C-alpha cells in the first residue's frame, strides 16, 4: 500500500476504517459504510477521498464512541 502525507496525517483513523476495534459497531456508526469494501487496502485509501472536515467529524465520532464503549464495558 502506498502511504502519502494525508494517510500518515490521519493514521489514527486507519483502525476504524478497517473495522470496529471494540466489538460490534453502534447502529449509527459512520464507518460502517467504508466496511462494504472487502479489500483492506482500498478501505484505508478511502481516507484520501474525504475532506479534512469530514475526517475531523469521523475522528470526533470515533473518540466519543470509544470512550462510551469503554465506559459501558467497565459497568
PDB file of N, CA and C in Angstrom:
ATOM      1  N   UNK A   1       0.848  -1.175   0.000  1.00  0.00           N
ATOM      2  CA  UNK A   1       0.000   0.000   0.000  1.00  0.00           C
ATOM      3  C   UNK A   1       0.892   1.237   0.000  1.00  0.00           C
ATOM      4  N   UNK A   2       0.552   2.188  -0.824  1.00  0.00           N
ATOM      5  CA  UNK A   2       1.303   3.418  -0.934  1.00  0.00           C
ATOM      6  C   UNK A   2       0.856   4.401   0.144  1.00  0.00           C
ATOM      7  N   UNK A   3       1.802   4.830   0.976  1.00  0.00           N
ATOM      8  CA  UNK A   3       1.489   5.818   2.007  1.00  0.00           C
ATOM      9  C   UNK A   3       1.820   7.203   1.495  1.00  0.00           C
ATOM     10  N   UNK A   4       0.958   8.138   1.791  1.00  0.00           N
ATOM     11  CA  UNK A   4       1.220   9.518   1.430  1.00  0.00           C
ATOM     12  C   UNK A   4       0.972  10.394   2.646  1.00  0.00           C
ATOM     13  N   UNK A   5       1.193  11.680   2.485  1.00  0.00           N
ATOM     14  CA  UNK A   5       1.089  12.610   3.604  1.00  0.00           C
ATOM     15  C   UNK A   5      -0.290  12.579   4.273  1.00  0.00           C
ATOM     16  N   UNK A   6      -1.341  12.507   3.470  1.00  0.00           N
ATOM     17  CA  UNK A   6      -2.695  12.517   4.032  1.00  0.00           C
ATOM     18  C   UNK A   6      -2.956  11.252   4.843  1.00  0.00           C
ATOM     19  N   UNK A   7      -2.533  10.100   4.349  1.00  0.00           N
ATOM     20  CA  UNK A   7      -2.729   8.854   5.092  1.00  0.00           C
ATOM     21  C   UNK A   7      -1.915   8.851   6.385  1.00  0.00           C
ATOM     22  N   UNK A   8      -0.711   9.354   6.319  1.00  0.00           N
ATOM     23  CA  UNK A   8       0.131   9.409   7.514  1.00  0.00           C
ATOM     24  C   UNK A   8      -0.469  10.370   8.534  1.00  0.00           C
ATOM     25  N   UNK A   9      -0.927  11.528   8.070  1.00  0.00           N
ATOM     26  CA  UNK A   9      -1.529  12.533   8.959  1.00  0.00           C
ATOM     27  C   UNK A   9      -2.774  11.982   9.649  1.00  0.00           C
ATOM     28  N   UNK A  10      -3.499  11.114   8.984  1.00  0.00           N
ATOM     29  CA  UNK A  10      -4.750  10.571   9.511  1.00  0.00           C
ATOM     30  C   UNK A  10      -4.617   9.111   9.932  1.00  0.00           C
ATOM     31  N   UNK A  11      -3.430   8.724  10.330  1.00  0.00           N
ATOM     32  CA  UNK A  11      -3.174   7.335  10.724  1.00  0.00           C
ATOM     33  C   UNK A  11      -4.074   6.873  11.867  1.00  0.00           C
ATOM     34  N   UNK A  12      -4.518   7.811  12.708  1.00  0.00           N
ATOM     35  CA  UNK A  12      -5.398   7.440  13.819  1.00  0.00           C
ATOM     36  C   UNK A  12      -6.760   6.942  13.342  1.00  0.00           C
ATOM     37  N   UNK A  13      -7.102   7.207  12.090  1.00  0.00           N
ATOM     38  CA  UNK A  13      -8.387   6.764  11.553  1.00  0.00           C
ATOM     39  C   UNK A  13      -8.298   5.427  10.813  1.00  0.00           C
ATOM     40  N   UNK A  14      -7.098   4.902  10.662  1.00  0.00           N
ATOM     41  CA  UNK A  14      -6.936   3.641   9.929  1.00  0.00           C
ATOM     42  C   UNK A  14      -7.724   2.518  10.592  1.00  0.00           C
ATOM     43  N   UNK A  15      -7.612   2.383  11.899  1.00  0.00           N
ATOM     44  CA  UNK A  15      -8.299   1.285  12.596  1.00  0.00           C
ATOM     45  C   UNK A  15      -9.809   1.347  12.389  1.00  0.00           C
ATOM     46  N   UNK A  16     -10.473   2.484  12.649  1.00  0.00           N
ATOM     47  CA  UNK A  16     -11.926   2.480  12.435  1.00  0.00           C
ATOM     48  C   UNK A  16     -12.325   2.332  10.961  1.00  0.00           C
ATOM     49  N   UNK A  17     -11.456   2.694  10.030  1.00  0.00           N
ATOM     50  CA  UNK A  17     -11.770   2.477   8.617  1.00  0.00           C
ATOM     51  C   UNK A  17     -11.717   0.990   8.274  1.00  0.00           C
ATOM     52  N   UNK A  18     -10.940   0.218   9.044  1.00  0.00           N
ATOM     53  CA  UNK A  18     -10.810  -1.217   8.799  1.00  0.00           C
ATOM     54  C   UNK A  18     -11.917  -2.003   9.507  1.00  0.00           C
ATOM     55  N   UNK A  19     -12.293  -1.571  10.691  1.00  0.00           N
ATOM     56  CA  UNK A  19     -13.337  -2.258  11.451  1.00  0.00           C
ATOM     57  C   UNK A  19     -13.436  -1.707  12.854  1.00  0.00           C
ATOM     58  N   UNK A  20     -14.476  -2.076  13.556  1.00  0.00           N
ATOM     59  CA  UNK A  20     -14.678  -1.589  14.921  1.00  0.00           C
ATOM     60  C   UNK A  20     -13.657  -2.249  15.847  1.00  0.00           C
ATOM     61  N   UNK A  21     -12.856  -1.449  16.558  1.00  0.00           N
ATOM     62  CA  UNK A  21     -11.848  -2.024  17.444  1.00  0.00           C
ATOM     63  C   UNK A  21     -12.417  -2.559  18.761  1.00  0.00           C
ATOM     64  N   UNK A  22     -13.708  -2.298  19.013  1.00  0.00           N
ATOM     65  CA  UNK A  22     -14.295  -2.704  20.290  1.00  0.00           C
ATOM     66  C   UNK A  22     -15.579  -3.498  20.054  1.00  0.00           C
ATOM     67  N   UNK A  23     -15.495  -4.527  19.249  1.00  0.00           N
ATOM     68  CA  UNK A  23     -16.652  -5.391  19.028  1.00  0.00           C
ATOM     69  C   UNK A  23     -17.624  -4.866  17.993  1.00  0.00           C
ATOM     70  N   UNK A  24     -18.896  -5.034  18.273  1.00  0.00           N
ATOM     71  CA  UNK A  24     -19.946  -4.629  17.339  1.00  0.00           C
ATOM     72  C   UNK A  24     -20.056  -3.107  17.265  1.00  0.00           C
ATOM     73  N   UNK A  25     -20.207  -2.567  16.070  1.00  0.00           N
ATOM     74  CA  UNK A  25     -20.365  -1.116  15.943  1.00  0.00           C
ATOM     75  C   UNK A  25     -21.751  -0.665  16.401  1.00  0.00           C
ATOM     76  N   UNK A  26     -21.827   0.591  16.823  1.00  0.00           N
ATOM     77  CA  UNK A  26     -23.130   1.166  17.155  1.00  0.00           C
ATOM     78  C   UNK A  26     -23.900   1.341  15.849  1.00  0.00           C
ATOM     79  N   UNK A  27     -25.215   1.398  15.935  1.00  0.00           N
ATOM     80  CA  UNK A  27     -26.043   1.418  14.723  1.00  0.00           C
ATOM     81  C   UNK A  27     -25.813   2.646  13.853  1.00  0.00           C
ATOM     82  N   UNK A  28     -25.438   3.773  14.456  1.00  0.00           N
ATOM     83  CA  UNK A  28     -25.237   4.990  13.669  1.00  0.00           C
ATOM     84  C   UNK A  28     -23.768   5.239  13.320  1.00  0.00           C
ATOM     85  N   UNK A  29     -22.951   4.206  13.402  1.00  0.00           N
ATOM     86  CA  UNK A  29     -21.521   4.346  13.118  1.00  0.00           C
ATOM     87  C   UNK A  29     -21.301   4.740  11.656  1.00  0.00           C
ATOM     88  N   UNK A  30     -20.646   5.877  11.418  1.00  0.00           N
ATOM     89  CA  UNK A  30     -20.415   6.306  10.042  1.00  0.00           C
ATOM     90  C   UNK A  30     -19.359   5.476   9.312  1.00  0.00           C
ATOM     91  N   UNK A  31     -18.607   4.687  10.047  1.00  0.00           N
ATOM     92  CA  UNK A  31     -17.562   3.874   9.428  1.00  0.00           C
ATOM     93  C   UNK A  31     -18.114   2.624   8.745  1.00  0.00           C
ATOM     94  N   UNK A  32     -19.331   2.225   9.101  1.00  0.00           N
ATOM     95  CA  UNK A  32     -19.930   1.018   8.520  1.00  0.00           C
ATOM     96  C   UNK A  32     -19.943   1.093   6.995  1.00  0.00           C
ATOM     97  N   UNK A  33     -20.205   2.261   6.466  1.00  0.00           N
ATOM     98  CA  UNK A  33     -20.255   2.428   5.002  1.00  0.00           C
ATOM     99  C   UNK A  33     -18.918   2.077   4.347  1.00  0.00           C
ATOM    100  N   UNK A  34     -17.822   2.345   5.029  1.00  0.00           N
ATOM    101  CA  UNK A  34     -16.497   2.066   4.463  1.00  0.00           C
ATOM    102  C   UNK A  34     -16.185   0.575   4.474  1.00  0.00           C
ATOM    103  N   UNK A  35     -16.792  -0.160   5.372  1.00  0.00           N
ATOM    104  CA  UNK A  35     -16.502  -1.587   5.518  1.00  0.00           C
ATOM    105  C   UNK A  35     -17.105  -2.423   4.410  1.00  0.00           C
ATOM    106  N   UNK A  36     -17.938  -1.826   3.576  1.00  0.00           N
ATOM    107  CA  UNK A  36     -18.511  -2.565   2.444  1.00  0.00           C
ATOM    108  C   UNK A  36     -17.419  -2.985   1.460  1.00  0.00           C
ATOM    109  N   UNK A  37     -16.345  -2.209   1.426  1.00  0.00           N
ATOM    110  CA  UNK A  37     -15.192  -2.559   0.592  1.00  0.00           C
ATOM    111  C   UNK A  37     -14.483  -3.730   1.261  1.00  0.00           C
ATOM    112  N   UNK A  38     -14.304  -4.824   0.548  1.00  0.00           N
ATOM    113  CA  UNK A  38     -13.713  -6.022   1.145  1.00  0.00           C
ATOM    114  C   UNK A  38     -12.189  -5.987   1.200  1.00  0.00           C
ATOM    115  N   UNK A  39     -11.565  -5.205   0.358  1.00  0.00           N
ATOM    116  CA  UNK A  39     -10.109  -5.100   0.338  1.00  0.00           C
ATOM    117  C   UNK A  39      -9.661  -4.079   1.393  1.00  0.00           C
ATOM    118  N   UNK A  40      -8.866  -4.530   2.355  1.00  0.00           N
ATOM    119  CA  UNK A  40      -8.438  -3.663   3.451  1.00  0.00           C
ATOM    120  C   UNK A  40      -7.666  -2.447   2.956  1.00  0.00           C
ATOM    121  N   UNK A  41      -6.787  -2.637   2.005  1.00  0.00           N
ATOM    122  CA  UNK A  41      -6.021  -1.519   1.456  1.00  0.00           C
ATOM    123  C   UNK A  41      -6.918  -0.469   0.834  1.00  0.00           C
ATOM    124  N   UNK A  42      -7.931  -0.919   0.116  1.00  0.00           N
ATOM    125  CA  UNK A  42      -8.876   0.019  -0.502  1.00  0.00           C
ATOM    126  C   UNK A  42      -9.719   0.729   0.552  1.00  0.00           C
ATOM    127  N   UNK A  43     -10.024   0.020   1.634  1.00  0.00           N
ATOM    128  CA  UNK A  43     -10.754   0.674   2.729  1.00  0.00           C
ATOM    129  C   UNK A  43      -9.950   1.857   3.260  1.00  0.00           C
ATOM    130  N   UNK A  44      -8.675   1.601   3.516  1.00  0.00           N
ATOM    131  CA  UNK A  44      -7.809   2.641   4.066  1.00  0.00           C
ATOM    132  C   UNK A  44      -7.643   3.786   3.075  1.00  0.00           C
ATOM    133  N   UNK A  45      -7.522   3.471   1.806  1.00  0.00           N
ATOM    134  CA  UNK A  45      -7.338   4.502   0.780  1.00  0.00           C
ATOM    135  C   UNK A  45      -8.541   5.442   0.688  1.00  0.00           C
ATOM    136  N   UNK A  46      -9.699   5.018   1.221  1.00  0.00           N
ATOM    137  CA  UNK A  46     -10.877   5.882   1.199  1.00  0.00           C
ATOM    138  C   UNK A  46     -10.650   7.157   2.016  1.00  0.00           C
ATOM    139  N   UNK A  47      -9.693   7.113   2.932  1.00  0.00           N
ATOM    140  CA  UNK A  47      -9.342   8.298   3.714  1.00  0.00           C
ATOM    141  C   UNK A  47      -8.956   9.433   2.776  1.00  0.00           C
ATOM    142  N   UNK A  48      -8.249   9.098   1.697  1.00  0.00           N
ATOM    143  CA  UNK A  48      -7.781  10.115   0.750  1.00  0.00           C
ATOM    144  C   UNK A  48      -8.924  10.874   0.082  1.00  0.00           C
ATOM    145  N   UNK A  49     -10.088  10.250  -0.019  1.00  0.00           N
ATOM    146  CA  UNK A  49     -11.218  10.859  -0.723  1.00  0.00           C
ATOM    147  C   UNK A  49     -12.033  11.794   0.161  1.00  0.00           C
ATOM    148  N   UNK A  50     -11.749  11.802   1.459  1.00  0.00           N
ATOM    149  CA  UNK A  50     -12.518  12.612   2.400  1.00  0.00           C
ATOM    150  C   UNK A  50     -11.847  13.961   2.631  1.00  0.00           C
ATOM    151  N   UNK A  51     -12.678  14.979   2.813  1.00  0.00           N
ATOM    152  CA  UNK A  51     -12.149  16.312   3.120  1.00  0.00           C
ATOM    153  C   UNK A  51     -11.638  16.322   4.558  1.00  0.00           C
ATOM    154  N   UNK A  52     -10.847  17.321   4.879  1.00  0.00           N
ATOM    155  CA  UNK A  52     -10.337  17.445   6.244  1.00  0.00           C
ATOM    156  C   UNK A  52     -11.487  17.599   7.232  1.00  0.00           C
ATOM    157  N   UNK A  53     -12.524  18.308   6.834  1.00  0.00           N
ATOM    158  CA  UNK A  53     -13.695  18.489   7.702  1.00  0.00           C
ATOM    159  C   UNK A  53     -14.384  17.152   7.969  1.00  0.00           C
ATOM    160  N   UNK A  54     -14.561  16.357   6.921  1.00  0.00           N
ATOM    161  CA  UNK A  54     -15.188  15.040   7.086  1.00  0.00           C
ATOM    162  C   UNK A  54     -14.338  14.139   7.979  1.00  0.00           C
ATOM    163  N   UNK A  55     -13.029  14.187   7.772  1.00  0.00           N
ATOM    164  CA  UNK A  55     -12.136  13.361   8.580  1.00  0.00           C
ATOM    165  C   UNK A  55     -12.181  13.784  10.045  1.00  0.00           C
ATOM    166  N   UNK A  56     -12.263  15.074  10.291  1.00  0.00           N
ATOM    167  CA  UNK A  56     -12.336  15.555  11.671  1.00  0.00           C
ATOM    168  C   UNK A  56     -13.648  15.121  12.327  1.00  0.00           C
ATOM    169  N   UNK A  57     -14.740  15.152  11.582  1.00  0.00           N
ATOM    170  CA  UNK A  57     -16.027  14.682  12.120  1.00  0.00           C
ATOM    171  C   UNK A  57     -15.965  13.188  12.440  1.00  0.00           C
ATOM    172  N   UNK A  58     -15.343  12.424  11.557  1.00  0.00           N
ATOM    173  CA  UNK A  58     -15.176  10.987  11.799  1.00  0.00           C
ATOM    174  C   UNK A  58     -14.299  10.741  13.028  1.00  0.00           C
ATOM    175  N   UNK A  59     -13.249  11.529  13.160  1.00  0.00           N
ATOM    176  CA  UNK A  59     -12.326  11.408  14.291  1.00  0.00           C
ATOM    177  C   UNK A  59     -13.061  11.675  15.613  1.00  0.00           C
ATOM    178  N   UNK A  60     -13.857  12.734  15.633  1.00  0.00           N
ATOM    179  CA  UNK A  60     -14.615  13.076  16.841  1.00  0.00           C
ATOM    180  C   UNK A  60     -15.595  11.961  17.180  1.00  0.00           C
ATOM    181  N   UNK A  61     -16.320  11.481  16.177  1.00  0.00           N
ATOM    182  CA  UNK A  61     -17.269  10.386  16.410  1.00  0.00           C
ATOM    183  C   UNK A  61     -16.545   9.187  17.012  1.00  0.00           C
ATOM    184  N   UNK A  62     -15.417   8.824  16.420  1.00  0.00           N
ATOM    185  CA  UNK A  62     -14.670   7.649  16.873  1.00  0.00           C
ATOM    186  C   UNK A  62     -14.214   7.810  18.325  1.00  0.00           C
ATOM    187  N   UNK A  63     -13.673   8.965  18.666  1.00  0.00           N
ATOM    188  CA  UNK A  63     -13.195   9.190  20.034  1.00  0.00           C
ATOM    189  C   UNK A  63     -14.334   9.101  21.043  1.00  0.00           C
ATOM    190  N   UNK A  64     -15.445   9.743  20.738  1.00  0.00           N
ATOM    191  CA  UNK A  64     -16.602   9.711  21.639  1.00  0.00           C
ATOM    192  C   UNK A  64     -17.129   8.284  21.776  1.00  0.00           C
ATOM    193  N   UNK A  65     -17.207   7.578  20.671  1.00  0.00           N
ATOM    194  CA  UNK A  65     -17.723   6.208  20.677  1.00  0.00           C
ATOM    195  C   UNK A  65     -16.824   5.286  21.498  1.00  0.00           C
ATOM    196  N   UNK A  66     -15.531   5.384  21.307  1.00  0.00           N
ATOM    197  CA  UNK A  66     -14.591   4.539  22.051  1.00  0.00           C
ATOM    198  C   UNK A  66     -14.721   4.800  23.546  1.00  0.00           C
ATOM    199  N   UNK A  67     -14.787   6.067  23.933  1.00  0.00           N
ATOM    200  CA  UNK A  67     -14.933   6.395  25.355  1.00  0.00           C
ATOM    201  C   UNK A  67     -16.241   5.843  25.908  1.00  0.00           C
ATOM    202  N   UNK A  68     -17.306   5.941  25.136  1.00  0.00           N
ATOM    203  CA  UNK A  68     -18.603   5.420  25.566  1.00  0.00           C
ATOM    204  C   UNK A  68     -18.544   3.901  25.721  1.00  0.00           C
ATOM    205  N   UNK A  69     -17.934   3.224  24.742  1.00  0.00           N
ATOM    206  CA  UNK A  69     -17.854   1.758  24.794  1.00  0.00           C
ATOM    207  C   UNK A  69     -16.991   1.293  25.970  1.00  0.00           C
ATOM    208  N   UNK A  70     -15.903   1.980  26.228  1.00  0.00           N
ATOM    209  CA  UNK A  70     -15.053   1.628  27.370  1.00  0.00           C
ATOM    210  C   UNK A  70     -15.836   1.797  28.662  1.00  0.00           C
ATOM    211  N   UNK A  71     -16.573   2.888  28.748  1.00  0.00           N
ATOM    212  CA  UNK A  71     -17.405   3.138  29.925  1.00  0.00           C
ATOM    213  C   UNK A  71     -18.428   2.015  30.103  1.00  0.00           C
ATOM    214  N   UNK A  72     -19.044   1.585  29.004  1.00  0.00           N
ATOM    215  CA  UNK A  72     -20.035   0.501  29.058  1.00  0.00           C
ATOM    216  C   UNK A  72     -19.398  -0.812  29.509  1.00  0.00           C
ATOM    217  N   UNK A  73     -18.190  -1.076  29.063  1.00  0.00           N
ATOM    218  CA  UNK A  73     -17.502  -2.312  29.438  1.00  0.00           C
ATOM    219  C   UNK A  73     -17.125  -2.333  30.917  1.00  0.00           C
ATOM    220  N   UNK A  74     -16.891  -1.157  31.479  1.00  0.00           N
ATOM    221  CA  UNK A  74     -16.487  -1.073  32.880  1.00  0.00           C
ATOM    222  C   UNK A  74     -17.665  -1.191  33.837  1.00  0.00           C
ATOM    223  N   UNK A  75     -18.878  -1.054  33.329  1.00  0.00           N
ATOM    224  CA  UNK A  75     -20.057  -1.148  34.201  1.00  0.00           C
ATOM    225  C   UNK A  75     -20.376  -2.578  34.546  1.00  0.00           C
TER     226      UNK A  75
END
